[in-house]
Structure formats: structure tokens, C-alpha cells
Protein backbone atom coordinates (compact mmCIF):
# COMPACT_ATOMS: atom_id res chain seq x y z
CA MET A 1 -58.31 77.45 -28.39
CA SER A 2 -54.84 77.68 -26.90
CA ALA A 3 -52.92 80.92 -27.14
CA THR A 4 -49.97 81.15 -29.53
CA ALA A 5 -46.91 83.35 -29.75
CA GLU A 6 -48.72 85.33 -32.43
CA THR A 7 -51.70 85.86 -30.11
CA VAL A 8 -49.37 87.25 -27.46
CA LEU A 9 -47.66 89.54 -29.96
CA VAL A 10 -50.99 90.93 -31.13
CA ALA A 11 -52.00 91.59 -27.51
CA PHE A 12 -48.71 93.33 -26.77
CA ALA A 13 -48.97 95.43 -29.95
CA ARG A 14 -52.19 96.93 -28.58
CA THR A 15 -50.42 98.26 -25.48
CA ALA A 16 -48.05 101.15 -24.79
CA GLY A 17 -45.19 98.72 -25.36
CA ASP A 18 -43.43 99.36 -22.06
CA VAL A 19 -42.40 97.01 -19.24
CA ALA A 20 -45.62 97.57 -17.29
CA ALA A 21 -47.65 96.58 -20.32
CA ALA A 22 -45.46 93.55 -20.92
CA ARG A 23 -46.06 92.44 -17.33
CA ARG A 24 -49.80 92.65 -17.85
CA VAL A 25 -49.59 90.64 -21.05
CA ALA A 26 -47.37 88.04 -19.37
CA ARG A 27 -49.88 87.66 -16.53
CA ARG A 28 -52.71 87.28 -19.04
CA PHE A 29 -50.86 84.50 -20.86
CA ALA A 30 -49.26 82.85 -17.84
CA ASP A 31 -50.34 79.41 -19.08
CA LEU A 32 -48.75 79.81 -22.51
CA ASP A 33 -47.34 76.58 -23.87
CA GLU A 34 -43.56 76.19 -23.45
CA GLY A 35 -43.06 75.88 -27.19
CA GLU A 36 -44.92 79.12 -27.83
CA ARG A 37 -42.95 80.85 -25.08
CA SER A 38 -39.76 79.68 -26.75
CA ALA A 39 -40.98 81.10 -30.06
CA LEU A 40 -41.40 84.47 -28.34
CA LEU A 41 -37.97 84.27 -26.74
CA TRP A 42 -36.28 83.63 -30.07
CA SER A 43 -38.43 86.06 -32.03
CA GLU A 44 -36.98 88.99 -33.92
CA GLU A 45 -39.52 91.24 -32.18
CA PRO A 46 -38.08 93.01 -29.09
CA GLY A 47 -41.49 93.05 -27.43
CA ALA A 48 -41.81 89.31 -27.87
CA ARG A 49 -38.51 88.71 -26.09
CA LEU A 50 -39.53 91.03 -23.26
CA VAL A 51 -42.79 89.19 -22.66
CA ALA A 52 -41.01 85.83 -22.92
CA VAL A 53 -38.48 86.79 -20.24
CA LEU A 54 -41.27 87.92 -17.94
CA LEU A 55 -43.08 84.63 -18.57
CA LEU A 56 -39.93 82.78 -17.51
CA VAL A 57 -39.75 84.81 -14.30
CA GLN A 58 -43.41 84.09 -13.57
CA SER A 59 -42.84 80.39 -14.10
CA MET A 60 -39.81 80.39 -11.83
CA ARG A 61 -41.81 82.07 -9.07
CA ALA A 62 -44.55 79.47 -9.44
CA HIS A 63 -42.22 76.49 -9.54
CA ALA A 64 -38.42 76.70 -9.42
CA ASP A 65 -36.96 74.77 -12.34
CA PRO A 66 -33.34 74.86 -13.58
CA GLU A 67 -34.60 74.39 -17.13
CA LEU A 68 -36.08 77.89 -16.97
CA THR A 69 -32.64 79.26 -16.12
CA ASP A 70 -31.10 77.27 -18.96
CA GLU A 71 -33.69 78.55 -21.42
CA TYR A 72 -33.00 82.14 -20.43
CA LEU A 73 -29.22 81.80 -20.54
CA SER A 74 -29.27 79.99 -23.87
CA ALA A 75 -30.93 82.99 -25.46
CA ALA A 76 -28.55 85.40 -23.75
CA LYS A 77 -25.47 83.46 -24.85
CA ALA A 78 -26.79 83.40 -28.40
CA GLU A 79 -26.88 87.22 -28.25
CA ARG A 80 -30.65 87.44 -28.54
CA PHE A 81 -30.79 90.15 -25.88
CA ASP A 82 -29.98 93.66 -27.10
CA ASP A 83 -31.62 95.55 -24.23
CA VAL A 84 -30.25 95.61 -20.68
CA VAL A 85 -33.83 95.48 -19.40
CA LEU A 86 -33.85 91.78 -20.29
CA ALA A 87 -30.96 91.24 -17.90
CA ASP A 88 -32.17 93.55 -15.18
CA LEU A 89 -35.70 92.14 -14.98
CA ALA A 90 -34.72 88.51 -14.74
CA ALA A 91 -31.10 87.81 -13.77
CA GLU A 92 -31.66 87.95 -10.02
CA GLU A 93 -34.57 85.51 -9.98
CA LEU A 94 -33.64 83.21 -12.86
CA VAL A 95 -29.89 83.02 -12.28
CA GLY A 96 -28.88 84.35 -8.87
CA ALA A 97 -31.58 83.16 -6.48
CA PRO A 98 -31.26 79.45 -7.37
CA LEU A 99 -27.54 79.61 -6.46
CA VAL A 100 -27.87 81.25 -3.04
CA GLY A 101 -26.65 78.79 -0.44
CA GLY A 102 -25.00 76.55 -3.02
CA SER A 103 -22.15 76.51 -5.51
CA THR A 104 -21.48 79.83 -7.25
CA GLY A 105 -19.23 78.42 -9.95
CA ALA A 106 -21.86 79.06 -12.62
CA LEU A 107 -21.81 82.79 -11.85
CA PHE A 108 -18.07 83.04 -12.27
CA ALA A 109 -18.34 81.12 -15.55
CA LEU A 110 -20.90 83.66 -16.78
CA ALA A 111 -18.58 86.50 -15.78
CA LYS A 112 -16.01 85.08 -18.23
CA SER A 113 -18.44 85.04 -21.16
CA ASP A 114 -17.51 86.69 -24.44
CA VAL A 115 -21.00 88.23 -24.53
CA ALA A 116 -21.31 91.52 -22.66
CA MET A 117 -24.98 90.97 -21.80
CA VAL A 118 -24.14 87.62 -20.22
CA ARG A 119 -21.49 89.32 -18.10
CA ARG A 120 -24.12 91.87 -17.06
CA ILE A 121 -26.43 89.03 -16.10
CA ALA A 122 -23.65 87.65 -13.87
CA VAL A 123 -23.40 91.01 -12.10
CA VAL A 124 -27.14 91.58 -11.69
CA ALA A 125 -27.68 88.00 -10.53
CA THR A 126 -25.59 88.71 -7.44
CA LEU A 127 -28.33 91.00 -6.12
CA ALA A 128 -29.90 87.80 -4.78
CA PHE A 129 -26.83 87.32 -2.59
CA ALA A 130 -26.72 90.94 -1.45
CA LYS A 131 -30.37 90.75 -0.41
CA ALA A 132 -29.52 87.63 1.59
CA GLY A 133 -26.83 89.61 3.45
CA ASP A 134 -23.91 88.15 1.50
CA ALA A 135 -21.47 90.77 0.23
CA GLU A 136 -18.74 88.30 -0.67
CA VAL A 137 -20.25 86.97 -3.89
CA PRO A 138 -21.29 90.33 -5.39
CA LEU A 139 -17.91 91.86 -4.61
CA ALA A 140 -16.06 88.85 -6.01
CA ILE A 141 -17.95 89.04 -9.31
CA ALA A 142 -17.46 92.82 -9.40
CA GLY A 143 -13.76 92.30 -8.84
CA ARG A 144 -13.60 90.12 -11.95
CA LEU A 145 -15.26 92.78 -14.12
CA VAL A 146 -14.32 96.11 -12.55
CA ARG A 147 -11.75 96.94 -15.24
CA GLU A 148 -14.22 96.46 -18.07
CA ARG A 149 -14.96 99.72 -19.84
CA GLY A 150 -18.18 98.87 -21.68
CA GLU A 151 -21.30 100.58 -20.37
CA THR A 152 -23.29 97.34 -20.45
CA VAL A 153 -21.27 96.01 -17.53
CA GLN A 154 -20.14 99.26 -15.91
CA SER A 155 -23.66 100.56 -15.28
CA ALA A 156 -24.63 97.27 -13.65
CA LEU A 157 -21.55 97.34 -11.44
CA GLY A 158 -22.40 100.74 -10.00
CA TRP A 159 -25.97 99.73 -9.21
CA VAL A 160 -25.13 96.32 -7.72
CA LEU A 161 -22.25 97.67 -5.64
CA ARG A 162 -24.54 100.32 -4.17
CA GLU A 163 -27.13 97.70 -3.26
CA THR A 164 -24.46 95.45 -1.78
CA GLY A 165 -23.39 98.26 0.53
CA LYS A 166 -26.99 98.98 1.52
CA ARG A 167 -28.21 95.43 1.98
CA ALA A 168 -25.17 93.37 2.95
CA SER A 169 -22.12 95.26 4.23
CA GLU A 170 -21.19 98.92 3.94
CA ASP A 171 -17.76 98.18 5.41
CA ASP A 172 -17.04 95.53 2.79
CA LEU A 173 -18.15 97.88 0.02
CA VAL A 174 -15.85 100.63 1.30
CA ALA A 175 -12.93 98.22 1.50
CA PHE A 176 -13.63 97.03 -2.04
CA LEU A 177 -13.76 100.57 -3.39
CA GLU A 178 -10.55 101.48 -1.61
CA ARG A 179 -8.85 98.62 -3.44
CA GLN A 180 -10.55 98.77 -6.82
CA GLY A 181 -12.66 101.91 -7.04
CA ARG A 182 -10.09 103.58 -9.28
CA PHE A 183 -10.88 101.04 -11.99
CA LEU A 184 -14.59 101.89 -12.11
CA GLY A 185 -15.90 104.39 -14.61
CA ARG A 186 -16.93 107.76 -13.19
CA GLY A 187 -20.66 107.03 -13.44
CA ALA A 188 -20.36 103.60 -11.84
CA LEU A 189 -18.26 104.96 -8.97
CA GLU A 190 -20.76 107.73 -8.29
CA THR A 191 -23.64 105.26 -8.27
CA ALA A 192 -21.78 102.79 -6.05
CA THR A 193 -21.15 105.45 -3.40
CA GLU A 194 -24.58 107.15 -3.43
CA HIS A 195 -25.72 105.85 -0.06
CA LEU A 196 -22.46 106.21 1.84
CA PRO A 197 -21.98 108.97 4.44
CA PRO A 198 -21.03 112.25 2.68
CA GLY A 199 -17.43 112.30 3.90
CA GLU A 200 -16.81 108.69 2.92
CA ARG A 201 -18.57 109.18 -0.39
CA ASP A 202 -16.47 112.22 -1.31
CA ARG A 203 -13.24 110.51 -0.32
CA LEU A 204 -13.95 107.43 -2.40
CA ARG A 205 -15.11 109.39 -5.42
CA GLN A 206 -11.72 111.06 -5.55
CA LEU A 207 -10.25 107.65 -6.37
CA GLY A 208 -11.82 107.67 -9.81
């Protein structure tokens, strides 16, 4: 008998309910029917949405398919995601990675969304570019959103800027912060500068 969304929910309910448990459940039900996965994604149960997003990531790793990205973004745009974990676990692989080496217009469109979680997804997705040694795209998206005050976006900016400096270009990060660091919130600026040399870090933190 094929597994159903309800079967998955029952399995998840028997766990600690954290991300590690959700990963285990997603691996167990990796062959879940697309319709049942969709039922999880649109469920009112937070755990169901978490497992569904992890199932999408698993599927993308097994076979890249733009429909998986569309499914994920449709739920995000409909404001089904109320936990930043759903952005942070999936945006890089479902949204960013498929765009590396191609057009980035879709990322900039997401950065203009009226939904804060979608804007966070745009930021986190650029980690795929930073890991490929490209600082330009992450810094361009950050530049679009740096003045935003909401924590949903600000906390992602700090993290992604830090990783961009580590993995792509420290010099480009420093130049960006010299121009726009004053617009970041205190927490985001501190995170963004964590891995810079102490003197540079202290100088840039004074901009905030």
C-alpha cells in the first residue's frame, strides 16, 4: 500500500519534531507520490510543511526539475511558510543552484516580492553563487534589501554576507559594507563582519 500524507504525518508525530527527525522521515518516504507531497506542503501542520520541503530538496538532488522550484515558490508566495527554517533549508538548492551560470532575473523578481519570506528566499538562494566564487550576485541582491528593517530579511542578510566574504571575495564584501553597511541592522552587521580581520571588523562595525 502506498504511503499517504497522513502516513507521513503519523510517522513525524512519533519523533522529536525537529529538523533532524524531519530529515529521517523524508528519507523514509522519499518515494512519496507527488500529490501526497503537495498535500503535506499545503497542510496546516507545520511539521507537514517541513517534511514536504525536505522531500522537494531530496527530489531536486536526485533529478533537477524546475517544477520542484515552482512548487516550492508557489507555497512561499501564498504565505504558507511561517518559519525561516523553510527558507534556509531549501532556498539554495531549490532556487539558487539552478540559476548559477544562467539568468538571475528570477532572483531579483523574488527580491521585490511583497512577502517577506520570499525576499528571504531570494537572499538565501544566493549562497549557491557565493559557494561558486561569485560575490556579485549575493551583493547585488543584498543591495536591493539592505534597508529593510524586518528581522526575516535582516538576519539572512548578515549570514549570507558573511558567507560571501568567506567563500567568494572578502574585498568585495568590505567594499559593499563601506558603501551600505550603515543601512544594516546592528545584528546583521555584526554577523556579516564576523570573519574579517579584527581591525577591519571593528572599523566596519562602527558604521552601524
